[in-house]
Amino acid sequence: MPFVAAGAVTGIGSLPLTSITSAVRSVADFSPEIPFWPQLPQLSERESIVGQGLGIVENLIEPRNEGYGYQVKEGQLDSVLEILHRSSGELTPANAAGFGAFEEALSSGLFSSAAAVKGQIEGPITLSAYLFHNGRPFLADPVLFAAIAFHVSQIIAWQIDRLKSAGLPVLMFVDEPALCLDAPVANAVPEEPRLSALAATLQDARIRGAYAGLHCCAARPFERMCRVQPDIISFDAHAGLDSFFADWHALDFMQQGGTVAYGIVPTRPGVNAVDSASIFLRWLKAASLAGDPQKFAQRAMITATCGLGVSLVLLLASVKNCQIYAVLEKTSDRKSPNVYSASKPSSHRGT
């Protein structure tokens, strides 16, 4: 099913809310063209993107005493692997309350102007870096890594099968902040097998009929992102916009028809001071130096730099900036070939 981004706004996934109804309504209000199911980490730790990925084995793992992540409880590794190998990928109301509510909202017609729908989950590389056994992450063992990769693919398949009932293009984003690490752990699964597993995960999404998105808001590993051949690249464009347009892998990705989700609206404190027109002009300048900004805009989506699970103030300010920027970008693309003079950006309507 064809999909044209054309400057539409979407979210990374998490929202800083505890009300499921309010979260779905916020998505409808601020991301009507590409709505996404909301993750609510302030509602429960299970709602974190790692919690959702590891929820299937939550009774067999525990937080590590030192460092980040979770460890398999003593004597439970075989049980963990058995559960991962027979995963159905199902998300439940206990760890993804927003998913069912989002489905109901889709059925009720709340997203009548949607051009696509979006799902998301933590990728196999990052999730494997968060789960440990005997002090070593699953990423250090090919067998354990493969079990996580299978489970992630099952979650992706489950989401796509549910979301495509809306009759719209499905965008399935895989979040991989660990993709930026050169050597996640000593004696880890080598880079090529890691990237091959991620590429297979994205291909599984395509086989199911979805567009495969790859999000990384850490350091910008554009070469690695392009090697796994996503349909959509999502990155922290507030920090890495110039680097992106200067990277030949990224430019080739766009020239080959790839879509880019520019996370150009910052989510850190002080976002209220960011001027929406300045955001647009910054993108326009960088895009103009790299090529034809009108062509780039046709395959552009707008997001915040990362998830918004922390602050409601950041949510509202980021959405405001995203929407004004998206209106400017779509107006540039569809209405006036001369708008790239960037004159009077404040004359366009925003929220």
Protein backbone atom coordinates (compact mmCIF):
# COMPACT_ATOMS: atom_id res chain seq x y z
CA MET A 1 0.00 0.00 0.00
CA PRO A 2 1.62 3.31 -1.07
CA PHE A 3 2.68 5.84 1.53
CA VAL A 4 3.92 9.41 1.00
CA ALA A 5 5.32 11.16 4.07
CA ALA A 6 5.20 14.79 2.85
CA GLY A 7 6.08 16.34 6.20
CA ALA A 8 3.56 14.50 8.38
CA VAL A 9 4.12 14.53 12.14
CA THR A 10 4.40 11.33 14.16
CA GLY A 11 5.77 10.32 17.55
CA ILE A 12 8.59 8.07 18.64
CA GLY A 13 6.24 6.17 20.97
CA SER A 14 6.26 7.18 24.63
CA LEU A 15 4.11 9.92 26.14
CA PRO A 16 4.37 11.48 29.62
CA LEU A 17 0.82 10.58 30.64
CA THR A 18 -0.87 8.07 32.92
CA SER A 19 -4.36 8.29 31.43
CA ILE A 20 -4.84 5.95 28.49
CA THR A 21 -7.75 8.01 27.19
CA SER A 22 -5.76 11.23 27.37
CA ALA A 23 -2.82 9.60 25.61
CA VAL A 24 -4.91 8.41 22.67
CA ARG A 25 -6.61 11.79 22.45
CA SER A 26 -3.22 13.52 22.43
CA VAL A 27 -2.11 11.36 19.52
CA ALA A 28 -5.32 12.21 17.64
CA ASP A 29 -4.90 15.93 18.32
CA PHE A 30 -1.22 16.29 17.53
CA SER A 31 -0.39 13.45 15.13
CA PRO A 32 -3.56 12.91 13.07
CA GLU A 33 -1.85 11.93 9.81
CA ILE A 34 0.45 9.22 11.20
CA PRO A 35 -1.02 8.24 14.57
CA PHE A 36 0.95 5.83 16.76
CA TRP A 37 -0.02 3.68 19.69
CA PRO A 38 1.19 5.39 22.89
CA GLN A 39 3.62 3.84 25.34
CA LEU A 40 3.09 5.08 28.90
CA PRO A 41 6.18 4.51 31.05
CA GLN A 42 4.83 6.78 33.80
CA LEU A 43 1.83 4.47 34.13
CA SER A 44 4.00 1.41 34.82
CA GLU A 45 7.59 0.23 34.49
CA ARG A 46 6.17 -2.52 32.30
CA GLU A 47 5.29 0.18 29.77
CA SER A 48 8.91 1.07 29.12
CA ILE A 49 10.09 -0.04 25.73
CA VAL A 50 12.53 -2.48 27.35
CA GLY A 51 9.82 -3.63 29.74
CA GLN A 52 7.53 -4.36 26.83
CA GLY A 53 10.23 -6.30 25.04
CA LEU A 54 11.08 -8.40 28.10
CA GLY A 55 7.60 -8.62 29.60
CA ILE A 56 7.20 -12.19 28.40
CA VAL A 57 9.91 -13.34 30.84
CA GLU A 58 9.33 -10.82 33.63
CA ASN A 59 8.84 -13.52 36.28
CA LEU A 60 12.19 -15.10 35.41
CA ILE A 61 14.37 -11.99 35.43
CA GLU A 62 15.23 -9.28 37.95
CA PRO A 63 16.95 -5.87 37.94
CA ARG A 64 20.72 -6.10 38.16
CA ASN A 65 22.30 -5.06 41.44
CA GLU A 66 25.00 -3.12 39.61
CA GLY A 67 24.80 -1.40 36.26
CA TYR A 68 21.86 -1.22 33.89
CA GLY A 69 19.44 -3.85 32.67
CA TYR A 70 18.06 -7.13 33.98
CA GLN A 71 19.55 -10.50 34.80
CA VAL A 72 18.12 -13.99 34.48
CA LYS A 73 17.34 -15.44 37.89
CA GLU A 74 19.52 -18.28 39.10
CA GLY A 75 18.72 -21.52 37.31
CA GLN A 76 16.13 -19.99 34.98
CA LEU A 77 18.04 -19.65 31.71
CA ASP A 78 16.50 -22.73 30.06
CA SER A 79 13.03 -21.53 30.96
CA VAL A 80 13.76 -18.07 29.57
CA LEU A 81 14.98 -19.52 26.28
CA GLU A 82 11.98 -21.85 26.01
CA ILE A 83 9.58 -18.94 26.46
CA LEU A 84 11.42 -16.75 23.96
CA HIS A 85 11.48 -19.54 21.37
CA ARG A 86 7.71 -20.03 21.57
CA SER A 87 6.85 -16.34 21.74
CA SER A 88 3.68 -15.25 19.97
CA GLY A 89 4.78 -11.62 20.17
CA GLU A 90 1.57 -10.58 21.88
CA LEU A 91 1.54 -7.34 23.86
CA THR A 92 -0.92 -7.28 26.74
CA PRO A 93 -2.90 -4.60 28.61
CA ALA A 94 -0.46 -5.12 31.48
CA ASN A 95 2.55 -3.88 29.50
CA ALA A 96 1.01 -2.03 26.54
CA ALA A 97 -2.27 -0.52 27.69
CA GLY A 98 -2.18 2.03 24.89
CA PHE A 99 -2.22 -0.58 22.12
CA GLY A 100 -5.74 -1.87 22.70
CA ALA A 101 -7.05 1.64 23.27
CA PHE A 102 -5.42 2.75 20.03
CA GLU A 103 -7.07 -0.13 18.15
CA GLU A 104 -10.46 0.86 19.55
CA ALA A 105 -9.88 4.47 18.53
CA LEU A 106 -8.97 3.38 15.01
CA SER A 107 -12.17 1.35 14.77
CA SER A 108 -14.27 4.23 16.07
CA GLY A 109 -13.05 6.61 13.37
CA LEU A 110 -11.06 8.87 15.68
CA PHE A 111 -8.19 8.91 13.17
CA SER A 112 -10.25 9.62 10.08
CA SER A 113 -7.52 11.74 8.47
CA ALA A 114 -4.75 9.18 8.98
CA ALA A 115 -2.53 8.39 6.00
CA ALA A 116 -0.76 5.57 7.88
CA VAL A 117 -0.52 4.04 11.35
CA LYS A 118 2.65 3.43 13.34
CA GLY A 119 3.90 0.81 15.75
CA GLN A 120 7.25 0.47 17.51
CA ILE A 121 9.37 -1.87 19.63
CA GLU A 122 12.92 -2.13 20.94
CA GLY A 123 15.27 -3.85 18.49
CA PRO A 124 17.15 -7.12 19.03
CA ILE A 125 20.59 -5.54 19.47
CA THR A 126 19.52 -3.14 22.21
CA LEU A 127 17.21 -5.60 23.95
CA SER A 128 19.99 -8.21 23.99
CA ALA A 129 22.33 -5.64 25.54
CA TYR A 130 19.86 -5.14 28.41
CA LEU A 131 19.37 -8.78 29.44
CA PHE A 132 22.22 -10.55 31.27
CA HIS A 133 23.13 -14.06 32.33
CA ASN A 134 26.07 -14.70 34.64
CA GLY A 135 27.21 -11.12 34.26
CA ARG A 136 27.27 -11.17 30.45
CA PRO A 137 24.58 -9.70 28.19
CA PHE A 138 22.67 -11.89 25.76
CA LEU A 139 24.44 -9.91 23.05
CA ALA A 140 27.64 -11.77 23.98
CA ASP A 141 26.23 -15.17 23.03
CA PRO A 142 24.96 -16.03 19.52
CA VAL A 143 22.37 -18.50 20.84
CA LEU A 144 20.94 -16.08 23.39
CA PHE A 145 21.01 -13.21 20.89
CA ALA A 146 19.14 -15.34 18.32
CA ALA A 147 16.41 -16.08 20.87
CA ILE A 148 15.87 -12.38 21.49
CA ALA A 149 15.89 -11.63 17.75
CA PHE A 150 13.18 -14.24 17.15
CA HIS A 151 11.04 -12.83 19.96
CA VAL A 152 11.37 -9.27 18.59
CA SER A 153 10.33 -10.45 15.13
CA GLN A 154 7.28 -12.08 16.68
CA ILE A 155 6.31 -8.83 18.43
CA ILE A 156 6.66 -7.00 15.13
CA ALA A 157 4.52 -9.56 13.30
CA TRP A 158 1.84 -9.40 16.01
CA GLN A 159 1.66 -5.61 15.86
CA ILE A 160 1.51 -5.49 12.07
CA ASP A 161 -1.23 -8.10 11.88
CA ARG A 162 -3.32 -6.07 14.33
CA LEU A 163 -2.62 -2.62 12.90
CA LYS A 164 -3.19 -3.47 9.24
CA SER A 165 -6.86 -4.13 10.01
CA ALA A 166 -7.27 -0.34 9.77
CA GLY A 167 -6.78 -0.63 6.01
CA LEU A 168 -3.91 1.88 6.03
CA PRO A 169 -0.17 1.58 5.43
CA VAL A 170 1.59 0.33 8.56
CA LEU A 171 4.90 1.86 9.61
CA MET A 172 6.78 -0.45 11.99
CA PHE A 173 9.70 1.23 13.75
CA VAL A 174 12.50 -0.66 15.48
CA ASP A 175 14.35 1.33 18.14
CA GLU A 176 18.09 0.58 18.24
CA PRO A 177 20.12 3.04 20.33
CA ALA A 178 22.78 0.34 20.83
CA LEU A 179 23.45 0.42 17.10
CA CYS A 180 25.84 3.31 17.72
CA LEU A 181 28.19 1.25 19.89
CA ASP A 182 31.38 -0.03 18.29
CA ALA A 183 31.93 -2.78 20.84
CA PRO A 184 28.90 -3.18 23.15
CA VAL A 185 30.67 -5.83 25.25
CA ALA A 186 33.84 -7.85 25.12
CA ASN A 187 33.48 -10.98 22.99
CA ALA A 188 30.07 -9.84 21.76
CA VAL A 189 28.37 -11.20 18.69
CA PRO A 190 30.38 -9.60 15.84
CA GLU A 191 29.03 -6.62 13.95
CA GLU A 192 28.05 -8.45 10.77
CA PRO A 193 25.84 -11.07 12.48
CA ARG A 194 24.29 -8.33 14.61
CA LEU A 195 23.45 -6.23 11.56
CA SER A 196 22.27 -9.27 9.64
CA ALA A 197 19.83 -10.11 12.44
CA LEU A 198 18.54 -6.54 12.47
CA ALA A 199 18.20 -6.55 8.67
CA ALA A 200 16.22 -9.80 8.91
CA THR A 201 13.98 -8.22 11.54
CA LEU A 202 13.23 -5.31 9.22
CA GLN A 203 12.67 -7.68 6.32
CA ASP A 204 10.16 -9.60 8.44
CA ALA A 205 8.20 -6.37 8.78
CA ARG A 206 8.20 -5.89 5.01
CA ILE A 207 7.11 -9.48 4.42
CA ARG A 208 4.12 -8.75 6.63
CA GLY A 209 3.29 -5.77 4.42
CA ALA A 210 4.63 -2.93 6.56
CA TYR A 211 7.17 -0.20 5.95
CA ALA A 212 10.23 -0.92 8.10
CA GLY A 213 11.52 2.05 10.11
CA LEU A 214 14.75 2.19 12.09
CA HIS A 215 15.15 4.71 14.92
CA CYS A 216 18.41 5.59 16.67
CA CYS A 217 18.55 8.76 18.76
CA ALA A 218 22.04 8.08 20.12
CA ALA A 219 25.17 8.91 18.11
CA ARG A 220 24.30 8.85 14.42
CA PRO A 221 25.52 5.57 12.90
CA PHE A 222 24.19 6.40 9.44
CA GLU A 223 26.39 3.88 7.65
CA ARG A 224 25.16 1.03 9.83
CA MET A 225 21.58 2.20 9.58
CA CYS A 226 21.76 2.19 5.79
CA ARG A 227 23.43 -1.23 5.67
CA VAL A 228 20.39 -2.92 7.20
CA GLN A 229 18.19 -1.37 4.49
CA PRO A 230 15.25 0.17 6.32
CA ASP A 231 12.50 1.94 4.43
CA ILE A 232 12.56 4.82 6.93
CA ILE A 233 15.48 6.23 8.93
CA SER A 234 14.64 8.08 12.14
CA PHE A 235 17.33 9.99 14.03
CA ASP A 236 18.09 12.93 16.31
CA ALA A 237 18.21 15.65 13.68
CA HIS A 238 18.46 18.39 16.29
CA ALA A 239 21.98 17.15 17.06
CA GLY A 240 22.85 15.49 13.77
CA LEU A 241 21.13 17.33 10.90
CA ASP A 242 24.29 18.66 9.28
CA SER A 243 26.09 15.33 9.73
CA PHE A 244 23.21 13.53 8.07
CA PHE A 245 23.21 15.70 4.95
CA ALA A 246 27.01 15.44 4.77
CA ASP A 247 27.02 11.63 4.94
CA TRP A 248 27.07 9.94 1.54
CA HIS A 249 25.36 6.84 2.90
CA ALA A 250 22.44 8.99 4.03
CA LEU A 251 22.33 10.91 0.76
CA ASP A 252 22.35 7.68 -1.23
CA PHE A 253 19.54 6.34 0.98
CA MET A 254 17.40 9.36 0.08
CA GLN A 255 18.34 9.25 -3.59
CA GLN A 256 17.21 5.62 -3.67
CA GLY A 257 13.77 6.70 -2.42
CA GLY A 258 14.18 6.25 1.33
CA THR A 259 12.01 8.20 3.75
CA VAL A 260 13.54 10.16 6.64
CA ALA A 261 11.90 10.93 9.98
CA TYR A 262 13.74 14.04 11.14
CA GLY A 263 13.79 14.19 14.95
CA ILE A 264 14.49 17.88 14.74
CA VAL A 265 12.42 19.15 17.67
CA PRO A 266 14.43 18.87 20.89
CA THR A 267 12.91 17.26 23.95
CA ARG A 268 15.37 18.43 26.56
CA PRO A 269 14.63 21.37 28.94
CA GLY A 270 14.55 24.74 27.21
CA VAL A 271 12.52 23.50 24.25
CA ASN A 272 10.02 26.33 24.72
CA ALA A 273 12.74 28.72 23.63
CA VAL A 274 13.11 26.97 20.27
CA ASP A 275 11.55 29.01 17.50
CA SER A 276 9.54 26.98 14.99
CA ALA A 277 10.50 29.10 12.00
CA SER A 278 14.15 28.77 12.95
CA ILE A 279 13.78 25.00 13.01
CA PHE A 280 12.35 25.05 9.51
CA LEU A 281 14.97 27.42 8.17
CA ARG A 282 17.75 25.32 9.66
CA TRP A 283 16.41 22.23 7.87
CA LEU A 284 15.93 24.19 4.66
CA LYS A 285 19.51 25.48 4.66
CA ALA A 286 20.98 22.01 5.28
CA ALA A 287 18.75 20.38 2.68
CA SER A 288 19.50 23.06 0.07
CA LEU A 289 23.23 22.54 0.44
CA ALA A 290 22.80 18.80 -0.11
CA GLY A 291 20.37 18.81 -3.04
CA ASP A 292 16.77 19.61 -3.91
CA PRO A 293 14.90 20.40 -0.68
CA GLN A 294 11.54 19.94 -2.38
CA LYS A 295 12.37 16.32 -3.19
CA PHE A 296 13.70 15.78 0.32
CA ALA A 297 10.50 17.25 1.77
CA GLN A 298 8.33 14.82 -0.17
CA ARG A 299 9.96 11.95 1.73
CA ALA A 300 10.20 13.66 5.11
CA MET A 301 8.44 12.98 8.39
CA ILE A 302 8.75 15.18 11.48
CA THR A 303 9.25 13.93 15.03
CA ALA A 304 10.73 14.99 18.33
CA THR A 305 14.31 13.89 18.89
CA CYS A 306 13.29 10.94 21.05
CA GLY A 307 10.43 9.61 23.17
CA LEU A 308 8.43 11.96 25.36
CA GLY A 309 7.93 9.75 28.39
CA VAL A 310 9.29 12.26 30.90
CA SER A 311 7.70 15.68 30.71
CA LEU A 312 4.29 16.98 29.70
CA VAL A 313 5.81 20.42 29.13
CA LEU A 314 8.21 18.92 26.60
CA LEU A 315 5.33 17.09 24.95
CA LEU A 316 3.27 20.21 24.38
CA ALA A 317 6.19 22.37 23.30
CA SER A 318 7.57 19.71 20.96
CA VAL A 319 4.19 19.10 19.36
CA LYS A 320 3.74 22.81 18.79
CA ASN A 321 7.09 23.09 17.06
CA CYS A 322 6.59 19.88 15.09
CA GLN A 323 3.24 20.95 13.72
CA ILE A 324 4.31 24.42 12.67
CA TYR A 325 7.37 22.96 10.96
CA ALA A 326 5.28 20.29 9.24
CA VAL A 327 2.79 22.86 7.96
CA LEU A 328 5.65 24.90 6.53
CA GLU A 329 7.23 21.86 4.93
CA LYS A 330 4.04 20.56 3.36
CA THR A 331 3.14 24.02 2.10
CA SER A 332 6.59 24.21 0.53
CA ASP A 333 6.10 20.87 -1.17
CA ARG A 334 2.56 21.08 -2.42
CA LYS A 335 1.61 24.68 -3.00
CA SER A 336 4.38 27.01 -4.00
CA PRO A 337 7.69 26.25 -5.69
CA ASN A 338 8.95 29.66 -4.59
CA VAL A 339 8.46 29.15 -0.88
CA TYR A 340 12.06 27.94 -0.58
CA SER A 341 13.00 31.59 -0.51
CA ALA A 342 11.89 31.10 3.11
CA SER A 343 10.13 34.43 3.12
CA LYS A 344 7.56 35.15 5.82
CA PRO A 345 7.57 31.74 7.49
CA SER A 346 5.40 33.13 10.28
CA SER A 347 2.55 33.70 7.85
CA HIS A 348 1.79 29.97 7.73
CA ARG A 349 -0.77 28.71 10.18
CA GLY A 350 0.49 26.66 13.11
CA THR A 351 -0.93 25.43 16.40
